[in-house]
């Protein structure tokens, strides 16, 4: 019998950096006793109407189902930066959650955000803000990163008070820095701690 509360770590990743961030955030959530992480992703969107992704991804986390949102006590949501916005695959998923919105399924649950982009000023903060919008409409409580996390003030790469971020480089060849890793862990831990306080 499962007694741990679950945090859904939902992400989309094209080149792997956002997926690595998701894994660090999941690790951070599991530093809190009584909490487990549930990693999930969303399928790519095809430009060809008849093309579909396989029902199970070739590698990585399984595809998300609406029941994952119903069963979680908190959500960490991650997407690569696409011109200062979330990736279309993630937006497409959230556009299909109206039935949950009508039932207030996510209202009162905490959520945190994370993103990866190619350049330092490539729109990571606006991407984090764009991902907040559907979550606020769902009634979720947004959890950010406070400046009590020392890496937030000293990072030379990613990290914002709006959520965790990573500067991947134009060729996606920059590894996640130590500061970025610590901020991912801290965000996961903060989300899990908040979720336990809010869970009824």
Protein backbone atom coordinates (compact mmCIF):
# COMPACT_ATOMS: atom_id res chain seq x y z
CA UNK A 1 0.00 0.00 0.00
CA UNK A 2 1.39 3.40 -1.06
CA UNK A 3 1.29 5.92 1.77
CA UNK A 4 3.70 8.54 0.41
CA UNK A 5 2.25 11.67 -1.18
CA UNK A 6 3.28 12.13 -4.80
CA UNK A 7 4.63 15.18 -6.59
CA UNK A 8 4.07 15.10 -10.33
CA UNK A 9 7.18 16.28 -12.18
CA UNK A 10 5.83 16.95 -15.66
CA UNK A 11 8.17 18.11 -18.40
CA UNK A 12 8.81 18.30 -22.12
CA UNK A 13 12.41 18.00 -23.31
CA UNK A 14 13.74 17.96 -26.86
CA UNK A 15 17.49 17.82 -26.27
CA UNK A 16 17.64 16.42 -22.74
CA UNK A 17 18.45 19.42 -20.53
CA UNK A 18 14.89 19.94 -19.24
CA UNK A 19 14.67 16.21 -18.58
CA UNK A 20 17.86 16.37 -16.49
CA UNK A 21 16.42 19.29 -14.55
CA UNK A 22 13.26 17.26 -13.93
CA UNK A 23 15.38 14.47 -12.47
CA UNK A 24 17.14 16.87 -10.08
CA UNK A 25 13.82 18.38 -9.02
CA UNK A 26 12.42 14.88 -8.43
CA UNK A 27 15.47 14.13 -6.28
CA UNK A 28 14.82 17.31 -4.31
CA UNK A 29 11.19 16.37 -3.65
CA UNK A 30 12.25 12.98 -2.36
CA UNK A 31 14.54 14.61 0.22
CA UNK A 32 11.30 15.30 2.11
CA UNK A 33 10.04 12.37 4.17
CA UNK A 34 6.68 11.02 3.03
CA UNK A 35 6.99 12.31 -0.55
CA UNK A 36 7.70 10.50 -3.81
CA UNK A 37 8.18 11.95 -7.29
CA UNK A 38 6.21 10.79 -10.32
CA UNK A 39 8.07 11.72 -13.54
CA UNK A 40 5.94 12.20 -16.66
CA UNK A 41 6.34 13.84 -20.08
CA UNK A 42 4.14 14.92 -22.99
CA UNK A 43 4.41 13.73 -26.61
CA UNK A 44 5.73 15.87 -29.45
CA UNK A 45 3.25 17.58 -31.75
CA UNK A 46 3.45 16.41 -35.34
CA UNK A 47 3.08 18.79 -38.29
CA UNK A 48 1.47 15.92 -40.22
CA UNK A 49 -2.15 15.40 -39.17
CA UNK A 50 -2.08 11.62 -39.55
CA UNK A 51 1.19 11.11 -37.66
CA UNK A 52 1.06 10.12 -34.02
CA UNK A 53 3.61 9.39 -31.36
CA UNK A 54 3.78 5.82 -30.05
CA UNK A 55 1.64 5.13 -26.99
CA UNK A 56 4.76 4.65 -24.86
CA UNK A 57 7.89 6.80 -25.31
CA UNK A 58 11.03 5.04 -26.54
CA UNK A 59 12.96 6.31 -23.51
CA UNK A 60 12.46 8.53 -20.50
CA UNK A 61 9.32 9.03 -18.46
CA UNK A 62 5.89 7.73 -19.51
CA UNK A 63 3.39 10.12 -21.07
CA UNK A 64 1.23 12.02 -18.61
CA UNK A 65 -2.42 11.10 -18.08
CA UNK A 66 -5.03 13.33 -16.48
CA UNK A 67 -5.19 10.97 -13.52
CA UNK A 68 -1.56 11.90 -12.75
CA UNK A 69 -2.77 15.45 -12.11
CA UNK A 70 -5.70 14.18 -10.05
CA UNK A 71 -3.53 11.96 -7.84
CA UNK A 72 -0.65 14.35 -7.16
CA UNK A 73 -0.44 16.72 -4.18
CA UNK A 74 1.82 19.12 -6.08
CA UNK A 75 3.19 19.77 -9.55
CA UNK A 76 6.61 20.71 -10.93
CA UNK A 77 6.16 21.82 -14.54
CA UNK A 78 9.06 22.16 -16.97
CA UNK A 79 9.51 23.13 -20.60
CA UNK A 80 12.30 24.39 -22.80
CA UNK A 81 12.14 28.06 -23.70
CA UNK A 82 10.52 28.73 -27.08
CA UNK A 83 10.76 32.43 -27.92
CA UNK A 84 9.99 33.31 -24.31
CA UNK A 85 7.13 30.84 -24.05
CA UNK A 86 6.55 27.18 -23.20
CA UNK A 87 6.96 24.60 -25.96
CA UNK A 88 3.89 23.90 -28.09
CA UNK A 89 3.72 20.28 -26.89
CA UNK A 90 3.28 21.44 -23.29
CA UNK A 91 0.79 24.15 -24.28
CA UNK A 92 -1.20 21.56 -26.26
CA UNK A 93 -1.44 19.35 -23.19
CA UNK A 94 -2.72 22.18 -20.97
CA UNK A 95 -5.24 23.22 -23.62
CA UNK A 96 -6.86 19.81 -23.09
CA UNK A 97 -7.42 20.19 -19.33
CA UNK A 98 -10.69 22.17 -19.41
CA UNK A 99 -12.66 19.32 -17.82
CA UNK A 100 -10.30 19.39 -14.83
CA UNK A 101 -10.65 23.17 -14.63
CA UNK A 102 -14.44 22.85 -14.51
CA UNK A 103 -14.14 20.39 -11.60
CA UNK A 104 -11.48 22.49 -9.75
CA UNK A 105 -9.27 19.38 -9.58
CA UNK A 106 -6.02 21.32 -9.14
CA UNK A 107 -7.34 24.20 -7.03
CA UNK A 108 -5.24 24.68 -3.90
CA UNK A 109 -2.38 22.40 -4.96
CA UNK A 110 1.13 23.95 -5.11
CA UNK A 111 3.10 24.17 -8.34
CA UNK A 112 6.67 25.09 -9.27
CA UNK A 113 8.23 25.82 -12.66
CA UNK A 114 11.50 25.09 -14.45
CA UNK A 115 12.92 25.79 -17.90
CA UNK A 116 16.01 25.53 -20.10
CA UNK A 117 17.08 27.89 -22.87
CA UNK A 118 19.97 28.40 -25.24
CA UNK A 119 21.19 31.81 -24.07
CA UNK A 120 21.40 33.78 -20.85
CA UNK A 121 18.77 36.31 -21.95
CA UNK A 122 16.74 34.02 -24.18
CA UNK A 123 13.43 34.40 -22.37
CA UNK A 124 13.67 31.92 -19.49
CA UNK A 125 11.84 34.19 -17.04
CA UNK A 126 8.98 34.89 -19.45
CA UNK A 127 8.77 31.16 -20.16
CA UNK A 128 8.37 30.49 -16.44
CA UNK A 129 5.72 33.20 -16.25
CA UNK A 130 3.88 31.81 -19.30
CA UNK A 131 3.72 28.38 -17.67
CA UNK A 132 2.21 29.94 -14.55
CA UNK A 133 -0.82 31.26 -16.43
CA UNK A 134 -2.76 28.01 -16.96
CA UNK A 135 -1.83 26.89 -13.45
CA UNK A 136 -3.24 30.10 -11.96
CA UNK A 137 -6.44 29.58 -13.95
CA UNK A 138 -6.60 26.09 -12.41
CA UNK A 139 -6.32 27.66 -8.94
CA UNK A 140 -2.85 26.34 -8.14
CA UNK A 141 -0.55 28.00 -5.59
CA UNK A 142 2.76 29.03 -7.21
CA UNK A 143 5.97 28.22 -5.32
CA UNK A 144 9.13 30.04 -6.38
CA UNK A 145 12.73 30.17 -5.22
CA UNK A 146 13.46 32.63 -2.39
CA UNK A 147 16.73 34.51 -2.06
CA UNK A 148 17.40 32.50 1.08
CA UNK A 149 18.84 30.04 -1.45
CA UNK A 150 22.40 31.44 -1.73
CA UNK A 151 22.94 30.19 -5.29
CA UNK A 152 20.18 32.50 -6.49
CA UNK A 153 22.36 35.50 -5.73
CA UNK A 154 25.65 34.02 -6.98
CA UNK A 155 24.71 31.97 -10.08
CA UNK A 156 26.52 32.88 -13.29
CA UNK A 157 24.07 30.87 -15.38
CA UNK A 158 20.47 29.90 -14.66
CA UNK A 159 18.27 30.46 -11.63
CA UNK A 160 15.43 32.92 -10.96
CA UNK A 161 12.96 33.64 -8.16
CA UNK A 162 10.22 32.46 -10.55
CA UNK A 163 11.66 28.96 -10.76
CA UNK A 164 14.69 26.93 -11.75
CA UNK A 165 16.36 27.60 -15.08
CA UNK A 166 19.36 26.42 -17.09
CA UNK A 167 21.43 28.05 -19.83
CA UNK A 168 22.08 25.17 -22.24
CA UNK A 169 24.07 27.03 -24.93
CA UNK A 170 23.10 27.46 -28.57
CA UNK A 171 24.35 23.94 -29.34
CA UNK A 172 22.81 22.52 -26.14
CA UNK A 173 26.33 21.67 -24.99
CA UNK A 174 26.50 23.39 -21.59
CA UNK A 175 26.09 20.92 -18.72
CA UNK A 176 23.86 21.87 -15.82
CA UNK A 177 26.03 23.91 -13.46
CA UNK A 178 26.45 23.16 -9.77
CA UNK A 179 24.39 26.26 -8.89
CA UNK A 180 21.61 25.21 -11.28
CA UNK A 181 21.59 21.69 -9.80
CA UNK A 182 21.35 23.06 -6.26
CA UNK A 183 18.49 25.35 -7.25
CA UNK A 184 16.62 22.44 -8.88
CA UNK A 185 17.05 20.37 -5.72
CA UNK A 186 15.96 23.31 -3.56
CA UNK A 187 12.88 23.94 -5.70
CA UNK A 188 11.84 20.29 -5.49
CA UNK A 189 12.33 20.25 -1.74
CA UNK A 190 10.41 23.50 -1.26
CA UNK A 191 7.54 22.25 -3.42
CA UNK A 192 7.31 18.97 -1.50
CA UNK A 193 7.43 20.72 1.87
CA UNK A 194 4.68 23.12 0.79
CA UNK A 195 2.58 20.28 -0.64
CA UNK A 196 2.64 18.40 2.65
CA UNK A 197 1.54 21.52 4.51
CA UNK A 198 -1.34 22.12 2.10
CA UNK A 199 -2.45 18.48 1.65
CA UNK A 200 -5.69 17.66 3.40
